[in-house]
PDB file of N, CA and C in Angstrom:
ATOM      1  N   UNK A   1     149.146  77.778 235.566  1.00  0.00           N
ATOM      2  CA  UNK A   1     150.489  78.019 235.092  1.00  0.00           C
ATOM      3  C   UNK A   1     150.657  77.301 233.766  1.00  0.00           C
ATOM      4  N   UNK A   2     151.216  77.967 232.768  1.00  0.00           N
ATOM      5  CA  UNK A   2     151.410  77.346 231.476  1.00  0.00           C
ATOM      6  C   UNK A   2     152.865  77.379 231.055  1.00  0.00           C
ATOM      7  N   UNK A   3     153.234  76.441 230.232  1.00  0.00           N
ATOM      8  CA  UNK A   3     154.586  76.379 229.693  1.00  0.00           C
ATOM      9  C   UNK A   3     154.489  76.425 228.183  1.00  0.00           C
ATOM     10  N   UNK A   4     155.452  77.062 227.546  1.00  0.00           N
ATOM     11  CA  UNK A   4     155.439  77.147 226.099  1.00  0.00           C
ATOM     12  C   UNK A   4     156.863  77.021 225.591  1.00  0.00           C
ATOM     13  N   UNK A   5     157.093  76.182 224.606  1.00  0.00           N
ATOM     14  CA  UNK A   5     158.421  76.010 224.031  1.00  0.00           C
ATOM     15  C   UNK A   5     158.475  76.733 222.700  1.00  0.00           C
ATOM     16  N   UNK A   6     159.514  77.525 222.477  1.00  0.00           N
ATOM     17  CA  UNK A   6     159.660  78.238 221.217  1.00  0.00           C
ATOM     18  C   UNK A   6     161.106  78.205 220.765  1.00  0.00           C
ATOM     19  N   UNK A   7     161.342  78.554 219.502  1.00  0.00           N
ATOM     20  CA  UNK A   7     162.691  78.591 218.962  1.00  0.00           C
ATOM     21  C   UNK A   7     163.242  80.005 219.079  1.00  0.00           C
ATOM     22  N   UNK A   8     164.484  80.121 219.523  1.00  0.00           N
ATOM     23  CA  UNK A   8     165.166  81.414 219.583  1.00  0.00           C
ATOM     24  C   UNK A   8     166.581  81.204 219.059  1.00  0.00           C
ATOM     25  N   UNK A   9     166.855  81.722 217.850  1.00  0.00           N
ATOM     26  CA  UNK A   9     168.190  81.612 217.260  1.00  0.00           C
ATOM     27  C   UNK A   9     168.722  80.177 217.293  1.00  0.00           C
ATOM     28  N   UNK A  10     167.905  79.250 216.867  1.00  0.00           N
ATOM     29  CA  UNK A  10     168.226  77.828 216.802  1.00  0.00           C
ATOM     30  C   UNK A  10     168.451  77.198 218.175  1.00  0.00           C
ATOM     31  N   UNK A  11     168.076  77.893 219.232  1.00  0.00           N
ATOM     32  CA  UNK A  11     168.165  77.343 220.582  1.00  0.00           C
ATOM     33  C   UNK A  11     166.754  77.298 221.139  1.00  0.00           C
ATOM     34  N   UNK A  12     166.351  76.157 221.654  1.00  0.00           N
ATOM     35  CA  UNK A  12     165.008  76.024 222.199  1.00  0.00           C
ATOM     36  C   UNK A  12     165.006  76.478 223.644  1.00  0.00           C
ATOM     37  N   UNK A  13     164.071  77.351 223.982  1.00  0.00           N
ATOM     38  CA  UNK A  13     163.949  77.796 225.365  1.00  0.00           C
ATOM     39  C   UNK A  13     162.525  77.555 225.831  1.00  0.00           C
ATOM     40  N   UNK A  14     162.338  77.473 227.121  1.00  0.00           N
ATOM     41  CA  UNK A  14     161.023  77.227 227.700  1.00  0.00           C
ATOM     42  C   UNK A  14     160.556  78.496 228.387  1.00  0.00           C
ATOM     43  N   UNK A  15     159.354  78.936 228.047  1.00  0.00           N
ATOM     44  CA  UNK A  15     158.771  80.143 228.609  1.00  0.00           C
ATOM     45  C   UNK A  15     157.708  79.728 229.614  1.00  0.00           C
ATOM     46  N   UNK A  16     157.737  80.312 230.793  1.00  0.00           N
ATOM     47  CA  UNK A  16     156.753  79.999 231.828  1.00  0.00           C
ATOM     48  C   UNK A  16     155.876  81.222 232.044  1.00  0.00           C
ATOM     49  N   UNK A  17     154.562  80.999 232.090  1.00  0.00           N
ATOM     50  CA  UNK A  17     153.636  82.081 232.394  1.00  0.00           C
ATOM     51  C   UNK A  17     152.940  81.771 233.701  1.00  0.00           C
ATOM     52  N   UNK A  18     152.429  82.801 234.347  1.00  0.00           N
ATOM     53  CA  UNK A  18     151.828  82.610 235.660  1.00  0.00           C
ATOM     54  C   UNK A  18     150.314  82.494 235.627  1.00  0.00           C
ATOM     55  N   UNK A  19     149.717  82.480 234.456  1.00  0.00           N
ATOM     56  CA  UNK A  19     148.273  82.280 234.403  1.00  0.00           C
ATOM     57  C   UNK A  19     147.980  80.964 233.699  1.00  0.00           C
ATOM     58  N   UNK A  20     146.706  80.640 233.601  1.00  0.00           N
ATOM     59  CA  UNK A  20     146.333  79.358 233.017  1.00  0.00           C
ATOM     60  C   UNK A  20     145.777  79.512 231.612  1.00  0.00           C
ATOM     61  N   UNK A  21     146.137  80.604 230.920  1.00  0.00           N
ATOM     62  CA  UNK A  21     145.649  80.866 229.575  1.00  0.00           C
ATOM     63  C   UNK A  21     146.821  80.913 228.603  1.00  0.00           C
ATOM     64  N   UNK A  22     146.659  80.280 227.455  1.00  0.00           N
ATOM     65  CA  UNK A  22     147.657  80.312 226.400  1.00  0.00           C
ATOM     66  C   UNK A  22     147.030  80.990 225.196  1.00  0.00           C
ATOM     67  N   UNK A  23     147.666  82.023 224.672  1.00  0.00           N
ATOM     68  CA  UNK A  23     147.150  82.716 223.497  1.00  0.00           C
ATOM     69  C   UNK A  23     148.091  82.524 222.325  1.00  0.00           C
ATOM     70  N   UNK A  24     147.547  82.410 221.139  1.00  0.00           N
ATOM     71  CA  UNK A  24     148.368  82.252 219.946  1.00  0.00           C
ATOM     72  C   UNK A  24     147.665  82.936 218.780  1.00  0.00           C
ATOM     73  N   UNK A  25     148.462  83.520 217.880  1.00  0.00           N
ATOM     74  CA  UNK A  25     147.935  84.129 216.660  1.00  0.00           C
ATOM     75  C   UNK A  25     148.516  83.353 215.491  1.00  0.00           C
ATOM     76  N   UNK A  26     147.665  82.939 214.573  1.00  0.00           N
ATOM     77  CA  UNK A  26     148.088  82.221 213.377  1.00  0.00           C
ATOM     78  C   UNK A  26     147.794  83.127 212.186  1.00  0.00           C
ATOM     79  N   UNK A  27     148.828  83.485 211.410  1.00  0.00           N
ATOM     80  CA  UNK A  27     148.681  84.387 210.274  1.00  0.00           C
ATOM     81  C   UNK A  27     148.886  83.596 208.989  1.00  0.00           C
ATOM     82  N   UNK A  28     147.849  83.526 208.166  1.00  0.00           N
ATOM     83  CA  UNK A  28     147.908  82.824 206.891  1.00  0.00           C
ATOM     84  C   UNK A  28     148.229  83.829 205.797  1.00  0.00           C
ATOM     85  N   UNK A  29     149.281  83.581 205.010  1.00  0.00           N
ATOM     86  CA  UNK A  29     149.623  84.426 203.871  1.00  0.00           C
ATOM     87  C   UNK A  29     149.658  83.543 202.627  1.00  0.00           C
ATOM     88  N   UNK A  30     149.741  84.146 201.442  1.00  0.00           N
ATOM     89  CA  UNK A  30     149.789  83.318 200.226  1.00  0.00           C
ATOM     90  C   UNK A  30     151.027  82.423 200.130  1.00  0.00           C
ATOM     91  N   UNK A  31     152.108  82.740 200.869  1.00  0.00           N
ATOM     92  CA  UNK A  31     153.329  81.940 200.734  1.00  0.00           C
ATOM     93  C   UNK A  31     153.728  81.178 201.991  1.00  0.00           C
ATOM     94  N   UNK A  32     153.145  81.520 203.141  1.00  0.00           N
ATOM     95  CA  UNK A  32     153.556  80.853 204.378  1.00  0.00           C
ATOM     96  C   UNK A  32     152.504  81.047 205.460  1.00  0.00           C
ATOM     97  N   UNK A  33     152.642  80.276 206.524  1.00  0.00           N
ATOM     98  CA  UNK A  33     151.814  80.413 207.715  1.00  0.00           C
ATOM     99  C   UNK A  33     152.752  80.771 208.858  1.00  0.00           C
ATOM    100  N   UNK A  34     152.433  81.833 209.596  1.00  0.00           N
ATOM    101  CA  UNK A  34     153.255  82.282 210.714  1.00  0.00           C
ATOM    102  C   UNK A  34     152.485  82.079 212.010  1.00  0.00           C
ATOM    103  N   UNK A  35     153.178  81.609 213.035  1.00  0.00           N
ATOM    104  CA  UNK A  35     152.545  81.374 214.329  1.00  0.00           C
ATOM    105  C   UNK A  35     153.254  82.234 215.371  1.00  0.00           C
ATOM    106  N   UNK A  36     152.472  82.963 216.175  1.00  0.00           N
ATOM    107  CA  UNK A  36     152.997  83.853 217.209  1.00  0.00           C
ATOM    108  C   UNK A  36     152.284  83.566 218.528  1.00  0.00           C
ATOM    109  N   UNK A  37     152.975  83.803 219.652  1.00  0.00           N
ATOM    110  CA  UNK A  37     152.269  83.911 220.918  1.00  0.00           C
ATOM    111  C   UNK A  37     151.858  85.369 221.031  1.00  0.00           C
ATOM    112  N   UNK A  38     151.360  85.783 222.165  1.00  0.00           N
ATOM    113  CA  UNK A  38     150.909  87.161 222.319  1.00  0.00           C
ATOM    114  C   UNK A  38     152.027  88.167 222.054  1.00  0.00           C
ATOM    115  N   UNK A  39     153.272  87.825 222.383  1.00  0.00           N
ATOM    116  CA  UNK A  39     154.353  88.793 222.221  1.00  0.00           C
ATOM    117  C   UNK A  39     155.578  88.254 221.499  1.00  0.00           C
ATOM    118  N   UNK A  40     155.558  87.038 221.042  1.00  0.00           N
ATOM    119  CA  UNK A  40     156.747  86.448 220.433  1.00  0.00           C
ATOM    120  C   UNK A  40     156.394  85.689 219.159  1.00  0.00           C
ATOM    121  N   UNK A  41     157.328  85.705 218.207  1.00  0.00           N
ATOM    122  CA  UNK A  41     157.238  84.902 216.991  1.00  0.00           C
ATOM    123  C   UNK A  41     157.668  83.476 217.322  1.00  0.00           C
ATOM    124  N   UNK A  42     156.945  82.497 216.826  1.00  0.00           N
ATOM    125  CA  UNK A  42     157.288  81.104 217.131  1.00  0.00           C
ATOM    126  C   UNK A  42     157.847  80.366 215.917  1.00  0.00           C
ATOM    127  N   UNK A  43     157.076  80.302 214.836  1.00  0.00           N
ATOM    128  CA  UNK A  43     157.431  79.379 213.761  1.00  0.00           C
ATOM    129  C   UNK A  43     156.854  79.850 212.435  1.00  0.00           C
ATOM    130  N   UNK A  44     157.489  79.465 211.344  1.00  0.00           N
ATOM    131  CA  UNK A  44     156.998  79.698 209.991  1.00  0.00           C
ATOM    132  C   UNK A  44     156.811  78.351 209.303  1.00  0.00           C
ATOM    133  N   UNK A  45     155.711  78.201 208.606  1.00  0.00           N
ATOM    134  CA  UNK A  45     155.460  77.011 207.811  1.00  0.00           C
ATOM    135  C   UNK A  45     155.342  77.458 206.362  1.00  0.00           C
ATOM    136  N   UNK A  46     156.280  77.028 205.497  1.00  0.00           N
ATOM    137  CA  UNK A  46     156.255  77.429 204.097  1.00  0.00           C
ATOM    138  C   UNK A  46     155.100  76.765 203.375  1.00  0.00           C
ATOM    139  N   UNK A  47     154.544  77.496 202.417  1.00  0.00           N
ATOM    140  CA  UNK A  47     153.443  76.971 201.629  1.00  0.00           C
ATOM    141  C   UNK A  47     152.114  77.536 202.086  1.00  0.00           C
ATOM    142  N   UNK A  48     151.078  77.175 201.384  1.00  0.00           N
ATOM    143  CA  UNK A  48     149.749  77.675 201.700  1.00  0.00           C
ATOM    144  C   UNK A  48     148.915  76.566 202.314  1.00  0.00           C
ATOM    145  N   UNK A  49     147.826  76.970 202.918  1.00  0.00           N
ATOM    146  CA  UNK A  49     146.907  76.010 203.521  1.00  0.00           C
ATOM    147  C   UNK A  49     145.671  75.933 202.641  1.00  0.00           C
ATOM    148  N   UNK A  50     145.407  74.773 202.088  1.00  0.00           N
ATOM    149  CA  UNK A  50     144.260  74.596 201.201  1.00  0.00           C
ATOM    150  C   UNK A  50     143.068  74.041 201.972  1.00  0.00           C
ATOM    151  N   UNK A  51     141.912  74.605 201.686  1.00  0.00           N
ATOM    152  CA  UNK A  51     140.664  74.114 202.249  1.00  0.00           C
ATOM    153  C   UNK A  51     139.777  73.645 201.112  1.00  0.00           C
ATOM    154  N   UNK A  52     138.778  72.866 201.446  1.00  0.00           N
ATOM    155  CA  UNK A  52     137.810  72.406 200.466  1.00  0.00           C
ATOM    156  C   UNK A  52     136.476  73.050 200.792  1.00  0.00           C
ATOM    157  N   UNK A  53     135.860  73.713 199.789  1.00  0.00           N
ATOM    158  CA  UNK A  53     134.562  74.334 200.039  1.00  0.00           C
ATOM    159  C   UNK A  53     133.439  73.318 199.850  1.00  0.00           C
ATOM    160  N   UNK A  54     132.203  73.792 199.975  1.00  0.00           N
ATOM    161  CA  UNK A  54     131.048  72.893 199.898  1.00  0.00           C
ATOM    162  C   UNK A  54     130.931  72.195 198.553  1.00  0.00           C
ATOM    163  N   UNK A  55     131.489  72.796 197.490  1.00  0.00           N
ATOM    164  CA  UNK A  55     131.418  72.219 196.151  1.00  0.00           C
ATOM    165  C   UNK A  55     132.573  71.268 195.857  1.00  0.00           C
ATOM    166  N   UNK A  56     133.442  71.052 196.832  1.00  0.00           N
ATOM    167  CA  UNK A  56     134.571  70.153 196.634  1.00  0.00           C
ATOM    168  C   UNK A  56     135.766  70.787 195.962  1.00  0.00           C
ATOM    169  N   UNK A  57     135.748  72.107 195.757  1.00  0.00           N
ATOM    170  CA  UNK A  57     136.867  72.795 195.121  1.00  0.00           C
ATOM    171  C   UNK A  57     137.876  73.232 196.177  1.00  0.00           C
ATOM    172  N   UNK A  58     139.163  73.178 195.807  1.00  0.00           N
ATOM    173  CA  UNK A  58     140.231  73.600 196.709  1.00  0.00           C
ATOM    174  C   UNK A  58     140.335  75.125 196.703  1.00  0.00           C
ATOM    175  N   UNK A  59     140.393  75.718 197.890  1.00  0.00           N
ATOM    176  CA  UNK A  59     140.579  77.158 198.006  1.00  0.00           C
ATOM    177  C   UNK A  59     141.739  77.404 198.962  1.00  0.00           C
ATOM    178  N   UNK A  60     142.405  78.551 198.808  1.00  0.00           N
ATOM    179  CA  UNK A  60     143.528  78.900 199.659  1.00  0.00           C
ATOM    180  C   UNK A  60     143.149  80.058 200.561  1.00  0.00           C
ATOM    181  N   UNK A  61     143.764  80.096 201.716  1.00  0.00           N
ATOM    182  CA  UNK A  61     143.569  81.210 202.634  1.00  0.00           C
ATOM    183  C   UNK A  61     144.798  82.092 202.539  1.00  0.00           C
ATOM    184  N   UNK A  62     144.598  83.378 202.326  1.00  0.00           N
ATOM    185  CA  UNK A  62     145.719  84.305 202.273  1.00  0.00           C
ATOM    186  C   UNK A  62     145.400  85.567 203.041  1.00  0.00           C
ATOM    187  N   UNK A  63     146.331  86.024 203.857  1.00  0.00           N
ATOM    188  CA  UNK A  63     146.163  87.263 204.594  1.00  0.00           C
ATOM    189  C   UNK A  63     145.183  87.192 205.745  1.00  0.00           C
ATOM    190  N   UNK A  64     144.842  86.006 206.202  1.00  0.00           N
ATOM    191  CA  UNK A  64     143.869  85.839 207.274  1.00  0.00           C
ATOM    192  C   UNK A  64     144.579  85.632 208.601  1.00  0.00           C
ATOM    193  N   UNK A  65     144.087  86.290 209.635  1.00  0.00           N
ATOM    194  CA  UNK A  65     144.607  86.085 210.980  1.00  0.00           C
ATOM    195  C   UNK A  65     143.603  85.273 211.782  1.00  0.00           C
ATOM    196  N   UNK A  66     144.075  84.301 212.520  1.00  0.00           N
ATOM    197  CA  UNK A  66     143.240  83.554 213.447  1.00  0.00           C
ATOM    198  C   UNK A  66     143.877  83.683 214.819  1.00  0.00           C
ATOM    199  N   UNK A  67     143.096  84.093 215.782  1.00  0.00           N
ATOM    200  CA  UNK A  67     143.595  84.248 217.143  1.00  0.00           C
ATOM    201  C   UNK A  67     142.901  83.238 218.039  1.00  0.00           C
ATOM    202  N   UNK A  68     143.675  82.487 218.790  1.00  0.00           N
ATOM    203  CA  UNK A  68     143.128  81.487 219.693  1.00  0.00           C
ATOM    204  C   UNK A  68     143.562  81.801 221.114  1.00  0.00           C
ATOM    205  N   UNK A  69     142.654  81.659 222.032  1.00  0.00           N
ATOM    206  CA  UNK A  69     142.990  81.772 223.443  1.00  0.00           C
ATOM    207  C   UNK A  69     142.484  80.515 224.125  1.00  0.00           C
ATOM    208  N   UNK A  70     143.385  79.791 224.744  1.00  0.00           N
ATOM    209  CA  UNK A  70     143.052  78.493 225.311  1.00  0.00           C
ATOM    210  C   UNK A  70     143.273  78.544 226.813  1.00  0.00           C
ATOM    211  N   UNK A  71     142.241  78.186 227.583  1.00  0.00           N
ATOM    212  CA  UNK A  71     142.430  78.120 229.033  1.00  0.00           C
ATOM    213  C   UNK A  71     142.504  76.663 229.466  1.00  0.00           C
ATOM    214  N   UNK A  72     142.638  76.442 230.740  1.00  0.00           N
ATOM    215  CA  UNK A  72     142.850  75.079 231.224  1.00  0.00           C
ATOM    216  C   UNK A  72     141.635  74.179 231.056  1.00  0.00           C
ATOM    217  N   UNK A  73     140.466  74.736 230.755  1.00  0.00           N
ATOM    218  CA  UNK A  73     139.255  73.937 230.542  1.00  0.00           C
ATOM    219  C   UNK A  73     138.851  73.882 229.069  1.00  0.00           C
ATOM    220  N   UNK A  74     139.788  74.174 228.166  1.00  0.00           N
ATOM    221  CA  UNK A  74     139.505  74.255 226.738  1.00  0.00           C
ATOM    222  C   UNK A  74     139.126  72.894 226.170  1.00  0.00           C
ATOM    223  N   UNK A  75     138.062  72.900 225.358  1.00  0.00           N
ATOM    224  CA  UNK A  75     137.636  71.696 224.639  1.00  0.00           C
ATOM    225  C   UNK A  75     137.429  72.059 223.173  1.00  0.00           C
ATOM    226  N   UNK A  76     138.179  71.420 222.277  1.00  0.00           N
ATOM    227  CA  UNK A  76     138.077  71.692 220.853  1.00  0.00           C
ATOM    228  C   UNK A  76     136.676  71.403 220.335  1.00  0.00           C
ATOM    229  N   UNK A  77     136.002  70.386 220.864  1.00  0.00           N
ATOM    230  CA  UNK A  77     134.642  70.057 220.421  1.00  0.00           C
ATOM    231  C   UNK A  77     133.687  71.227 220.640  1.00  0.00           C
ATOM    232  N   UNK A  78     133.853  71.953 221.755  1.00  0.00           N
ATOM    233  CA  UNK A  78     133.002  73.113 222.021  1.00  0.00           C
ATOM    234  C   UNK A  78     133.231  74.206 220.990  1.00  0.00           C
ATOM    235  N   UNK A  79     134.492  74.442 220.621  1.00  0.00           N
ATOM    236  CA  UNK A  79     134.822  75.455 219.623  1.00  0.00           C
ATOM    237  C   UNK A  79     134.215  75.096 218.267  1.00  0.00           C
ATOM    238  N   UNK A  80     134.323  73.845 217.880  1.00  0.00           N
ATOM    239  CA  UNK A  80     133.758  73.386 216.607  1.00  0.00           C
ATOM    240  C   UNK A  80     132.243  73.572 216.605  1.00  0.00           C
ATOM    241  N   UNK A  81     131.585  73.242 217.705  1.00  0.00           N
ATOM    242  CA  UNK A  81     130.133  73.382 217.795  1.00  0.00           C
ATOM    243  C   UNK A  81     129.713  74.851 217.823  1.00  0.00           C
ATOM    244  N   UNK A  82     130.364  75.678 218.644  1.00  0.00           N
ATOM    245  CA  UNK A  82     129.988  77.089 218.790  1.00  0.00           C
ATOM    246  C   UNK A  82     130.078  77.854 217.477  1.00  0.00           C
ATOM    247  N   UNK A  83     131.132  77.592 216.691  1.00  0.00           N
ATOM    248  CA  UNK A  83     131.334  78.329 215.444  1.00  0.00           C
ATOM    249  C   UNK A  83     130.873  77.552 214.217  1.00  0.00           C
ATOM    250  N   UNK A  84     130.197  76.418 214.438  1.00  0.00           N
ATOM    251  CA  UNK A  84     129.649  75.598 213.349  1.00  0.00           C
ATOM    252  C   UNK A  84     130.718  75.268 212.300  1.00  0.00           C
ATOM    253  N   UNK A  85     131.888  74.834 212.781  1.00  0.00           N
ATOM    254  CA  UNK A  85     132.999  74.494 211.902  1.00  0.00           C
ATOM    255  C   UNK A  85     132.899  73.045 211.453  1.00  0.00           C
ATOM    256  N   UNK A  86     133.534  72.749 210.340  1.00  0.00           N
ATOM    257  CA  UNK A  86     133.636  71.372 209.872  1.00  0.00           C
ATOM    258  C   UNK A  86     135.033  70.878 210.223  1.00  0.00           C
ATOM    259  N   UNK A  87     135.105  69.734 210.876  1.00  0.00           N
ATOM    260  CA  UNK A  87     136.403  69.215 211.295  1.00  0.00           C
ATOM    261  C   UNK A  87     137.350  69.014 210.122  1.00  0.00           C
ATOM    262  N   UNK A  88     136.829  68.687 208.950  1.00  0.00           N
ATOM    263  CA  UNK A  88     137.686  68.449 207.791  1.00  0.00           C
ATOM    264  C   UNK A  88     138.366  69.721 207.309  1.00  0.00           C
ATOM    265  N   UNK A  89     137.862  70.897 207.684  1.00  0.00           N
ATOM    266  CA  UNK A  89     138.444  72.156 207.238  1.00  0.00           C
ATOM    267  C   UNK A  89     139.319  72.833 208.285  1.00  0.00           C
ATOM    268  N   UNK A  90     139.586  72.155 209.396  1.00  0.00           N
ATOM    269  CA  UNK A  90     140.391  72.773 210.443  1.00  0.00           C
ATOM    270  C   UNK A  90     141.873  72.522 210.209  1.00  0.00           C
ATOM    271  N   UNK A  91     142.704  73.577 210.312  1.00  0.00           N
ATOM    272  CA  UNK A  91     144.151  73.348 210.223  1.00  0.00           C
ATOM    273  C   UNK A  91     144.637  72.649 211.481  1.00  0.00           C
ATOM    274  N   UNK A  92     145.629  71.818 211.348  1.00  0.00           N
ATOM    275  CA  UNK A  92     146.203  71.129 212.495  1.00  0.00           C
ATOM    276  C   UNK A  92     147.521  71.818 212.834  1.00  0.00           C
ATOM    277  N   UNK A  93     147.554  72.492 213.954  1.00  0.00           N
ATOM    278  CA  UNK A  93     148.771  73.129 214.451  1.00  0.00           C
ATOM    279  C   UNK A  93     148.943  72.670 215.879  1.00  0.00           C
ATOM    280  N   UNK A  94     150.043  72.013 216.156  1.00  0.00           N
ATOM    281  CA  UNK A  94     150.244  71.433 217.476  1.00  0.00           C
ATOM    282  C   UNK A  94     151.029  72.401 218.348  1.00  0.00           C
ATOM    283  N   UNK A  95     150.453  72.757 219.471  1.00  0.00           N
ATOM    284  CA  UNK A  95     151.113  73.595 220.461  1.00  0.00           C
ATOM    285  C   UNK A  95     151.282  72.759 221.712  1.00  0.00           C
ATOM    286  N   UNK A  96     152.489  72.680 222.196  1.00  0.00           N
ATOM    287  CA  UNK A  96     152.740  71.873 223.385  1.00  0.00           C
ATOM    288  C   UNK A  96     152.734  72.781 224.602  1.00  0.00           C
ATOM    289  N   UNK A  97     151.801  72.561 225.476  1.00  0.00           N
ATOM    290  CA  UNK A  97     151.701  73.340 226.712  1.00  0.00           C
ATOM    291  C   UNK A  97     151.653  72.373 227.873  1.00  0.00           C
ATOM    292  N   UNK A  98     152.361  72.692 228.906  1.00  0.00           N
ATOM    293  CA  UNK A  98     152.427  71.824 230.082  1.00  0.00           C
ATOM    294  C   UNK A  98     151.996  72.604 231.304  1.00  0.00           C
ATOM    295  N   UNK A  99     151.181  71.983 232.144  1.00  0.00           N
ATOM    296  CA  UNK A  99     150.735  72.647 233.371  1.00  0.00           C
ATOM    297  C   UNK A  99     151.315  71.943 234.576  1.00  0.00           C
TER     298      UNK A  99
END
């Protein structure tokens, strides 16, 4: 069972799901970052997300979608290892889920 808190018309409500999986879509655009659950809009973050490439130059992500599905046994270290990611290039987006 998962819990998810989202904003609805400036009122915070709690959504309860009956499975142990939490899904989220993160959409990067040139002017903002949008975060959605599978069926609902959650939050907008103004501005762009800058990454550093291997040469030390700053690059921006625009128009990219990232989809995450997290189950009750999720480990971020496994995701970093499986996709050969660098921790310094990972965006930090905090999702509060309660079981």
